[in-house]
Amino acid sequence: MFFACHEHWMKVPDLVIAPFLERLALDRLKRKAARFGERFLSMPDLDQVLYEEIFRCLGYVQNSEAMVLLARRVPLSMLGAVPDPRDGAALLLGSAGLLHSGDVKQPSDADSDLLRRFEELADRGAPDPLPRTIWRNARLRPANSPRRRILQAALLLGPWGRLGPHVMESAGGVLEAEDPGSWLRSLLDFPRDVAAYVAPGGSDKELRIGLERRVTIVANAILPLLLLQSEQWELSDAEQRSMEVLHKLPVVMDQVVRRYSGERGRPVSTCVGQGLHELSRSWCGEGKCRECPIWKHIASPQGRVR
């Protein structure tokens, strides 16, 4: 759902819309933290919960649920016990069911090496592969292919990555960073030599994660988990610090944000983008127009729709 009244948004001053979107961005953080809390109750390990949510973010809409299934099939503790990055890639790709393709008569040398490694890992207790059919490849850009996203997850979250294996401890630095953008570029990246070692073509550029996807990981996974953790530790300033981070991060220009931008221009931060997503999902999508400050202004005498 987008925005029922977006054609009239130019009549709404920033003094009305900006505070409301900021409030909604915080609501979105809290809602996600509550959902993660439900997962934590069934599996009390915040590192594993964040690991699963990073997998979800890497999967985009098309493969998000399949990526979560894979993260539960190969938990953080299992990936963390693998010392070689190629073995980690083989473990994840093999467990995803993406190394046993019957339509590839002559697999590449890289695929043959990964398959050999996975078979050796299977002899030592690696999980059975997921059905290959759960992965969607149709109408996906090559950059969003499941194989590429799974390799990125291996590089980010394995013991050789800057996030793994103590994911929450590593991620917590974003709340202290003076420049979250620089923090993103450093932490949500991987050593070039390791990426080149794992990449099918031997080039680390093939597996780099774009800035917008990094922002998505922080906004939709890391910050809500840190907020949940702060509630458990009774830290009073976590909400304020999380919002400060959202204000400092660049906006992700997806379909929802583009609809807003068409009327009011490009948003200045991820905080606005997160607020727009919450507005679309929890207000417009649930028909709360009569309660919405934006519509109230549009329908008021000073902003009357004609």
Protein backbone atom coordinates (compact mmCIF):
# COMPACT_ATOMS: atom_id res chain seq x y z
CA MET A 1 0.00 0.00 0.00
CA PHE A 2 1.31 3.48 -0.84
CA PHE A 3 -0.35 6.74 0.22
CA ALA A 4 -4.00 7.49 -0.53
CA CYS A 5 -3.54 11.26 -0.26
CA HIS A 6 -0.09 11.70 -1.80
CA GLU A 7 -1.41 13.97 -4.57
CA HIS A 8 -2.18 16.59 -1.92
CA TRP A 9 1.06 16.37 0.03
CA MET A 10 2.46 19.59 -1.40
CA LYS A 11 -0.17 21.38 0.72
CA VAL A 12 1.24 19.90 3.93
CA PRO A 13 4.00 21.95 5.59
CA ASP A 14 7.12 20.29 6.98
CA LEU A 15 6.07 21.35 10.47
CA VAL A 16 3.21 18.84 10.15
CA ILE A 17 4.77 16.00 8.22
CA ALA A 18 8.36 15.87 9.55
CA PRO A 19 7.58 15.24 13.26
CA PHE A 20 4.95 12.67 12.30
CA LEU A 21 7.35 10.72 10.08
CA GLU A 22 10.01 10.82 12.81
CA ARG A 23 7.51 9.39 15.28
CA LEU A 24 6.60 6.67 12.80
CA ALA A 25 10.28 5.81 12.25
CA LEU A 26 10.61 5.20 15.99
CA ASP A 27 7.36 3.19 15.96
CA ARG A 28 8.84 1.03 13.22
CA LEU A 29 12.01 0.42 15.23
CA LYS A 30 9.94 -0.57 18.27
CA ARG A 31 7.66 -2.82 16.24
CA LYS A 32 10.61 -4.65 14.76
CA ALA A 33 12.28 -4.91 18.17
CA ALA A 34 9.08 -6.46 19.55
CA ARG A 35 8.99 -8.99 16.70
CA PHE A 36 12.62 -9.88 17.33
CA GLY A 37 11.77 -10.22 21.01
CA GLU A 38 9.21 -12.89 20.14
CA ARG A 39 11.88 -14.79 18.24
CA PHE A 40 14.26 -14.35 21.20
CA LEU A 41 11.74 -16.01 23.53
CA SER A 42 11.80 -19.17 21.41
CA MET A 43 15.55 -19.01 20.79
CA PRO A 44 17.31 -16.88 23.45
CA ASP A 45 20.42 -15.91 21.54
CA LEU A 46 20.56 -12.30 20.28
CA ASP A 47 23.57 -13.05 18.07
CA GLN A 48 21.58 -15.74 16.25
CA VAL A 49 18.52 -13.48 15.92
CA LEU A 50 20.60 -10.71 14.35
CA TYR A 51 22.35 -13.26 12.12
CA GLU A 52 18.95 -14.40 10.81
CA GLU A 53 17.76 -10.85 10.22
CA ILE A 54 20.89 -9.92 8.28
CA PHE A 55 20.25 -12.95 6.08
CA ARG A 56 16.67 -11.69 5.64
CA CYS A 57 17.86 -8.24 4.58
CA LEU A 58 20.28 -9.72 2.06
CA GLY A 59 17.49 -11.78 0.52
CA TYR A 60 15.37 -8.78 -0.48
CA VAL A 61 11.62 -9.40 -0.76
CA GLN A 62 11.95 -12.24 -3.24
CA ASN A 63 14.22 -14.47 -1.16
CA SER A 64 13.97 -13.08 2.36
CA GLU A 65 12.12 -16.03 3.87
CA ALA A 66 14.35 -18.56 2.11
CA MET A 67 17.40 -16.76 3.52
CA VAL A 68 15.97 -16.99 7.05
CA LEU A 69 15.37 -20.72 6.57
CA LEU A 70 19.00 -21.06 5.51
CA ALA A 71 20.21 -19.07 8.54
CA ARG A 72 18.33 -21.48 10.78
CA ARG A 73 19.56 -24.52 8.85
CA VAL A 74 23.14 -23.27 9.23
CA PRO A 75 23.17 -21.31 12.53
CA LEU A 76 25.85 -18.81 13.46
CA SER A 77 27.58 -21.31 15.73
CA MET A 78 27.95 -23.79 12.87
CA LEU A 79 29.29 -21.22 10.42
CA GLY A 80 31.61 -19.90 13.13
CA ALA A 81 33.20 -23.34 13.54
CA VAL A 82 34.39 -23.40 9.91
CA PRO A 83 37.94 -22.01 9.64
CA ASP A 84 38.23 -21.65 5.84
CA PRO A 85 36.11 -19.04 3.96
CA ARG A 86 35.59 -21.37 0.99
CA ASP A 87 34.37 -24.06 3.34
CA GLY A 88 31.96 -21.50 4.78
CA ALA A 89 30.72 -20.63 1.28
CA ALA A 90 30.37 -24.34 0.48
CA LEU A 91 28.47 -24.97 3.72
CA LEU A 92 25.93 -22.23 3.02
CA LEU A 93 25.51 -22.83 -0.72
CA GLY A 94 25.32 -26.59 -0.27
CA SER A 95 22.82 -26.31 2.58
CA ALA A 96 20.79 -23.94 0.39
CA GLY A 97 20.55 -26.66 -2.24
CA LEU A 98 22.40 -24.54 -4.80
CA LEU A 99 25.36 -26.84 -5.47
CA HIS A 100 23.34 -29.76 -6.87
CA SER A 101 21.96 -28.44 -10.12
CA GLY A 102 20.91 -31.21 -12.47
CA ASP A 103 20.75 -28.85 -15.43
CA VAL A 104 24.47 -28.01 -15.23
CA LYS A 105 26.24 -30.77 -17.14
CA GLN A 106 29.72 -29.31 -16.81
CA PRO A 107 30.07 -27.38 -13.54
CA SER A 108 32.81 -24.78 -13.32
CA ASP A 109 36.01 -25.55 -11.45
CA ALA A 110 34.82 -23.25 -8.66
CA ASP A 111 31.51 -25.09 -8.33
CA SER A 112 33.25 -28.47 -8.40
CA ASP A 113 35.56 -27.32 -5.60
CA LEU A 114 32.60 -26.03 -3.53
CA LEU A 115 30.65 -29.25 -4.06
CA ARG A 116 33.66 -31.34 -2.99
CA ARG A 117 34.05 -29.22 0.12
CA PHE A 118 30.34 -29.50 0.97
CA GLU A 119 30.41 -33.29 0.60
CA GLU A 120 33.35 -33.41 3.00
CA LEU A 121 31.46 -31.19 5.43
CA ALA A 122 28.35 -33.37 5.05
CA ASP A 123 30.40 -36.36 6.17
CA ARG A 124 31.15 -34.37 9.35
CA GLY A 125 27.54 -33.42 10.07
CA ALA A 126 26.60 -30.58 7.71
CA PRO A 127 22.80 -30.29 7.31
CA ASP A 128 20.79 -31.71 4.43
CA PRO A 129 20.20 -29.24 1.58
CA LEU A 130 17.04 -27.17 1.39
CA PRO A 131 14.86 -27.71 -1.72
CA ARG A 132 16.31 -25.76 -4.61
CA THR A 133 12.79 -24.70 -5.59
CA ILE A 134 12.45 -22.29 -2.64
CA TRP A 135 14.83 -19.85 -4.34
CA ARG A 136 13.53 -17.26 -6.79
CA ASN A 137 15.75 -16.19 -9.69
CA ALA A 138 13.18 -14.96 -12.20
CA ARG A 139 13.34 -11.23 -12.98
CA LEU A 140 16.20 -10.69 -10.55
CA ARG A 141 19.22 -8.63 -11.47
CA PRO A 142 22.47 -10.64 -11.29
CA ALA A 143 23.49 -8.55 -8.27
CA ASN A 144 20.49 -9.90 -6.36
CA SER A 145 20.90 -13.57 -7.23
CA PRO A 146 20.59 -15.96 -4.26
CA ARG A 147 24.09 -17.34 -4.80
CA ARG A 148 25.65 -13.88 -4.65
CA ARG A 149 23.69 -12.88 -1.56
CA ILE A 150 24.57 -16.13 0.22
CA LEU A 151 28.26 -15.61 -0.52
CA GLN A 152 27.99 -12.09 0.91
CA ALA A 153 26.40 -13.50 4.05
CA ALA A 154 29.27 -15.98 4.38
CA LEU A 155 31.84 -13.20 4.07
CA LEU A 156 30.06 -10.87 6.52
CA LEU A 157 29.17 -13.35 9.23
CA GLY A 158 31.82 -16.06 9.21
CA PRO A 159 34.73 -15.92 11.68
CA TRP A 160 36.83 -14.17 9.00
CA GLY A 161 34.24 -11.34 8.67
CA ARG A 162 34.10 -8.06 10.55
CA LEU A 163 30.65 -8.82 11.96
CA GLY A 164 31.01 -12.46 12.94
CA PRO A 165 31.06 -14.44 15.10
CA HIS A 166 30.07 -12.03 17.93
CA VAL A 167 27.54 -10.16 15.81
CA MET A 168 25.83 -8.07 18.48
CA GLU A 169 29.10 -6.90 20.00
CA SER A 170 30.45 -5.93 16.58
CA ALA A 171 27.23 -4.18 15.53
CA GLY A 172 26.94 -2.17 18.73
CA GLY A 173 29.55 0.28 17.48
CA VAL A 174 27.03 2.00 15.22
CA LEU A 175 25.43 3.74 18.22
CA GLU A 176 28.79 5.25 19.18
CA ALA A 177 29.99 6.17 15.68
CA GLU A 178 30.28 9.89 14.92
CA ASP A 179 29.86 9.09 11.24
CA PRO A 180 27.56 6.05 10.77
CA GLY A 181 28.20 6.18 7.01
CA SER A 182 31.91 5.52 7.49
CA TRP A 183 31.07 2.87 10.06
CA LEU A 184 28.84 1.20 7.47
CA ARG A 185 31.56 1.19 4.85
CA SER A 186 34.05 -0.42 7.22
CA LEU A 187 32.03 -2.92 9.26
CA LEU A 188 29.64 -4.14 6.57
CA ASP A 189 32.52 -4.92 4.27
CA PHE A 190 34.98 -7.77 4.09
CA PRO A 191 38.73 -8.09 3.55
CA ARG A 192 39.48 -7.93 -0.18
CA ASP A 193 41.76 -10.95 -0.13
CA VAL A 194 39.07 -13.07 1.54
CA ALA A 195 36.39 -11.87 -0.91
CA ALA A 196 38.65 -12.59 -3.88
CA TYR A 197 39.39 -16.05 -2.45
CA VAL A 198 35.66 -16.84 -2.27
CA ALA A 199 34.38 -15.02 -5.38
CA PRO A 200 33.76 -17.34 -8.37
CA GLY A 201 35.68 -15.00 -10.68
CA GLY A 202 38.42 -14.21 -8.20
CA SER A 203 37.49 -10.52 -7.96
CA ASP A 204 36.40 -8.96 -4.68
CA LYS A 205 34.30 -6.42 -6.65
CA GLU A 206 31.83 -9.17 -7.58
CA LEU A 207 30.71 -9.53 -3.96
CA ARG A 208 30.73 -5.98 -2.63
CA ILE A 209 27.53 -4.89 -0.90
CA GLY A 210 26.03 -1.61 -2.07
CA LEU A 211 25.53 1.30 0.31
CA GLU A 212 21.73 1.13 0.17
CA ARG A 213 21.74 -2.54 1.18
CA ARG A 214 24.08 -1.72 4.06
CA VAL A 215 21.72 1.02 5.22
CA THR A 216 18.84 -1.46 5.03
CA ILE A 217 20.74 -3.93 7.22
CA VAL A 218 21.36 -1.25 9.85
CA ALA A 219 17.82 0.17 9.83
CA ASN A 220 15.88 -3.11 9.63
CA ALA A 221 18.11 -5.50 11.57
CA ILE A 222 20.91 -3.96 13.63
CA LEU A 223 19.14 -0.98 15.22
CA PRO A 224 15.97 -2.89 16.25
CA LEU A 225 18.11 -5.65 17.81
CA LEU A 226 20.21 -3.09 19.67
CA LEU A 227 16.99 -1.48 20.88
CA LEU A 228 15.76 -4.86 22.12
CA GLN A 229 19.07 -5.45 23.87
CA SER A 230 18.93 -2.00 25.49
CA GLU A 231 15.47 -2.76 26.85
CA GLN A 232 16.84 -5.92 28.45
CA TRP A 233 19.77 -3.97 29.89
CA GLU A 234 17.52 -1.00 30.85
CA LEU A 235 19.57 1.57 28.91
CA SER A 236 17.53 4.76 28.76
CA ASP A 237 19.17 6.55 25.82
CA ALA A 238 19.04 3.79 23.18
CA GLU A 239 15.96 5.18 21.42
CA GLN A 240 17.48 8.63 21.08
CA ARG A 241 20.81 7.25 19.87
CA SER A 242 19.07 4.97 17.36
CA MET A 243 17.10 7.89 15.94
CA GLU A 244 20.28 9.95 15.67
CA VAL A 245 21.80 7.17 13.57
CA LEU A 246 18.74 7.07 11.28
CA HIS A 247 19.02 10.84 10.78
CA LYS A 248 22.67 10.50 9.74
CA LEU A 249 22.21 7.67 7.22
CA PRO A 250 21.35 8.33 3.56
CA VAL A 251 17.88 7.41 2.38
CA VAL A 252 17.23 4.16 0.47
CA MET A 253 15.30 5.05 -2.68
CA ASP A 254 12.81 2.18 -3.01
CA GLN A 255 9.25 2.18 -4.41
CA VAL A 256 7.66 3.61 -1.27
CA VAL A 257 10.17 6.44 -0.92
CA ARG A 258 10.00 7.28 -4.64
CA ARG A 259 6.26 7.82 -4.38
CA TYR A 260 6.90 10.40 -1.67
CA SER A 261 9.81 11.94 -3.56
CA GLY A 262 7.63 12.52 -6.60
CA GLU A 263 5.64 15.03 -4.58
CA ARG A 264 8.09 16.56 -2.10
CA GLY A 265 11.60 15.84 -3.32
CA ARG A 266 14.25 13.39 -2.18
CA PRO A 267 14.20 12.76 1.61
CA VAL A 268 17.29 13.82 3.47
CA SER A 269 17.76 10.70 5.62
CA THR A 270 16.84 7.11 6.36
CA CYS A 271 14.70 8.40 9.23
CA VAL A 272 12.21 9.82 6.72
CA GLY A 273 12.35 6.63 4.64
CA GLN A 274 11.61 4.43 7.65
CA GLY A 275 8.75 6.72 8.65
CA LEU A 276 7.29 6.50 5.15
CA HIS A 277 7.39 2.71 5.24
CA GLU A 278 5.58 2.69 8.55
CA LEU A 279 3.02 5.20 7.25
CA SER A 280 2.35 3.02 4.20
CA ARG A 281 2.19 -0.23 6.18
CA SER A 282 0.49 0.65 9.45
CA TRP A 283 -1.58 3.73 8.59
CA CYS A 284 -2.53 3.86 4.89
CA GLY A 285 -2.58 0.06 4.71
CA GLU A 286 -4.94 -0.13 7.68
CA GLY A 287 -7.23 2.74 6.69
CA LYS A 288 -6.30 5.09 9.55
CA CYS A 289 -6.84 8.24 7.50
CA ARG A 290 -9.13 9.93 10.05
CA GLU A 291 -6.43 9.59 12.73
CA CYS A 292 -3.55 10.73 10.50
CA PRO A 293 -2.13 14.24 11.09
CA ILE A 294 -1.31 14.53 7.39
CA TRP A 295 -4.89 13.92 6.27
CA LYS A 296 -6.26 16.09 9.08
CA HIS A 297 -4.25 19.00 7.74
CA ILE A 298 -5.32 18.32 4.15
CA ALA A 299 -8.96 18.23 5.22
CA SER A 300 -8.69 21.30 7.47
CA PRO A 301 -9.77 24.79 6.29
CA GLN A 302 -6.15 25.85 5.59
CA GLY A 303 -5.42 22.75 3.55
CA ARG A 304 -8.89 21.98 2.26
CA VAL A 305 -8.95 19.57 -0.68
CA ARG A 306 -10.91 21.09 -3.58
